[in-house]
Every structure is written in C-alpha cells, then in structure tokens.
Amino acid sequence: MTVLLIFLGATVGAPLRYLTDRAVQSRHQSLFPWGTFTVNLFGCLVLGGLAGAGSALPAPLFALLGTGFCGALTTYSTFGYETVRLAEQRAYFAAVANVVVSLAAGVGGAAFAYQTVHALLG
C-alpha cells in the first residue's frame, strides 16, 4: 500500500515540477534557474511542514506527500546540472548564487515551515 501512495504522490509532483519550472522560467530572461529554485523551495516548505506535524501526521499521508509528492516535485539533479551549466558558460556569479541562495532558502524555508507547523500543532 505504501508503494502505491508514493506512486500516486509522484504522479502529481513530477508533472507539477515540469509545468511550474516552465511557467516560472518563461517569465525570466536571466541565466539564473528560477524555475528549479521555485520548485525546490516549495518542496522544502512542504516537507518542513510535514516534518513539523510529527506524529500528528499518519505515516501513509507522509508517504503520499513527503516521499511521493515532494520527492518527485523537487530535483537535486537538475539543480546540480544547471549549476555546472552556468559555470561552463563562465557565469560564475550566477552559479555561486544558485548554490548559496538555493541552499539558504531551502534550509531556511524548511526550518520556518517546521517551526510554524510544530508551534500550531504542538
């Protein structure tokens, strides 16, 4: 049953990642990968909130949303690829900014969501 829930979550997360990435990136003319940044930040916020719910969240729901949805929505491989691509194009500032801003926003977003949900349910 858990595998089915993960699959169902991923069937929503993966297309949402693609559509969001394309929609966001089409609105920006910069080299910075705004689409990937957006989906990864959103995934960090959702996963941080789910973790903050702790035992109040049933395990099957965490499998559906945390593992399935967030796992398919976020993308470390594209983040890495885009960073290397920026460096290869000699856009060093954008490459470093991608790493620093993505990590800071992701960890900060997850921590914020965790604390917020934990305070509300705690």
Protein backbone atom coordinates (compact mmCIF):
# COMPACT_ATOMS: atom_id res chain seq x y z
CA MET A 1 0.00 0.00 0.00
CA THR A 2 2.86 2.42 0.82
CA VAL A 3 4.39 1.98 -2.63
CA LEU A 4 1.06 2.84 -4.24
CA LEU A 5 0.77 6.01 -2.13
CA ILE A 6 4.29 7.07 -3.08
CA PHE A 7 3.47 6.42 -6.74
CA LEU A 8 0.28 8.48 -6.50
CA GLY A 9 2.10 11.39 -4.88
CA ALA A 10 4.79 11.26 -7.55
CA THR A 11 2.22 11.28 -10.35
CA VAL A 12 1.17 14.72 -9.14
CA GLY A 13 4.61 16.03 -8.11
CA ALA A 14 6.54 15.28 -11.30
CA PRO A 15 4.19 17.00 -13.78
CA LEU A 16 3.76 19.90 -11.37
CA ARG A 17 7.54 20.32 -11.28
CA TYR A 18 7.75 20.43 -15.06
CA LEU A 19 4.82 22.82 -15.50
CA THR A 20 5.96 25.14 -12.71
CA ASP A 21 9.54 25.18 -13.96
CA ARG A 22 8.46 26.09 -17.49
CA ALA A 23 5.95 28.72 -16.34
CA VAL A 24 8.38 30.44 -13.97
CA GLN A 25 11.41 30.27 -16.25
CA SER A 26 9.47 31.66 -19.23
CA ARG A 27 8.86 34.85 -17.25
CA HIS A 28 12.56 35.50 -16.61
CA GLN A 29 15.23 36.37 -19.14
CA SER A 30 18.16 35.79 -16.78
CA LEU A 31 20.58 32.87 -16.66
CA PHE A 32 19.53 32.07 -13.09
CA PRO A 33 17.37 28.90 -12.99
CA TRP A 34 14.31 30.44 -11.33
CA GLY A 35 12.03 27.51 -12.17
CA THR A 36 14.15 24.92 -10.41
CA PHE A 37 14.69 27.29 -7.49
CA THR A 38 10.92 27.74 -7.15
CA VAL A 39 10.01 24.04 -7.13
CA ASN A 40 12.83 23.17 -4.75
CA LEU A 41 11.89 25.96 -2.34
CA PHE A 42 8.23 24.95 -2.41
CA GLY A 43 9.21 21.32 -1.80
CA CYS A 44 11.36 22.36 1.18
CA LEU A 45 8.47 24.33 2.65
CA VAL A 46 6.04 21.43 2.25
CA LEU A 47 8.45 18.82 3.59
CA GLY A 48 9.43 21.03 6.53
CA GLY A 49 5.75 21.48 7.38
CA LEU A 50 5.12 17.75 7.15
CA ALA A 51 8.08 17.06 9.44
CA GLY A 52 6.81 19.70 11.84
CA ALA A 53 3.50 17.84 12.09
CA GLY A 54 5.42 14.89 13.53
CA SER A 55 3.28 12.06 14.88
CA ALA A 56 0.10 14.07 14.19
CA LEU A 57 0.59 13.10 10.54
CA PRO A 58 -0.29 9.48 9.75
CA ALA A 59 2.53 7.52 8.11
CA PRO A 60 0.54 6.80 4.93
CA LEU A 61 -0.08 10.52 4.43
CA PHE A 62 3.62 11.26 4.91
CA ALA A 63 4.44 8.60 2.31
CA LEU A 64 1.99 10.18 -0.14
CA LEU A 65 3.01 13.81 0.40
CA GLY A 66 6.56 13.66 1.75
CA THR A 67 8.11 10.82 -0.17
CA GLY A 68 5.91 10.73 -3.27
CA PHE A 69 4.87 14.31 -3.92
CA CYS A 70 7.91 16.16 -2.56
CA GLY A 71 10.33 13.55 -3.88
CA ALA A 72 9.03 13.98 -7.42
CA LEU A 73 8.49 17.74 -7.17
CA THR A 74 12.00 18.65 -6.05
CA THR A 75 15.08 17.98 -8.11
CA TYR A 76 18.66 17.82 -6.91
CA SER A 77 19.95 16.51 -10.24
CA THR A 78 18.60 19.47 -12.22
CA PHE A 79 19.92 21.86 -9.58
CA GLY A 80 23.38 20.31 -9.98
CA TYR A 81 23.19 20.22 -13.77
CA GLU A 82 22.11 23.86 -14.03
CA THR A 83 24.88 24.94 -11.67
CA VAL A 84 27.51 23.13 -13.75
CA ARG A 85 26.00 24.57 -16.95
CA LEU A 86 26.28 28.09 -15.53
CA ALA A 87 29.92 27.50 -14.62
CA GLU A 88 30.65 26.11 -18.10
CA GLN A 89 29.14 29.28 -19.58
CA ARG A 90 31.51 31.26 -17.35
CA ALA A 91 28.54 32.71 -15.47
CA TYR A 92 30.38 32.16 -12.21
CA PHE A 93 28.39 34.66 -10.17
CA ALA A 94 25.10 33.04 -11.23
CA ALA A 95 26.49 29.56 -10.48
CA VAL A 96 27.64 30.51 -6.98
CA ALA A 97 24.43 32.46 -6.37
CA ASN A 98 22.41 29.42 -7.41
CA VAL A 99 24.15 27.25 -4.83
CA VAL A 100 24.17 29.78 -1.99
CA VAL A 101 20.66 31.12 -2.49
CA SER A 102 19.12 27.70 -3.11
CA LEU A 103 20.70 26.13 -0.03
CA ALA A 104 19.97 29.08 2.25
CA ALA A 105 16.38 29.44 1.07
CA GLY A 106 15.75 25.69 1.14
CA VAL A 107 17.12 25.10 4.63
CA GLY A 108 15.58 28.32 5.91
CA GLY A 109 12.22 27.53 4.35
CA ALA A 110 12.17 24.02 5.74
CA ALA A 111 13.11 25.26 9.21
CA PHE A 112 10.48 28.00 9.09
CA ALA A 113 7.75 25.61 7.98
CA TYR A 114 8.80 23.04 10.57
CA GLN A 115 8.71 25.57 13.41
CA THR A 116 5.41 27.08 12.26
CA VAL A 117 3.56 23.78 11.94
CA HIS A 118 5.14 22.41 15.11
CA ALA A 119 4.01 25.50 17.04
CA LEU A 120 0.47 25.24 15.65
CA LEU A 121 0.10 21.52 16.37
CA GLY A 122 2.44 21.25 19.35
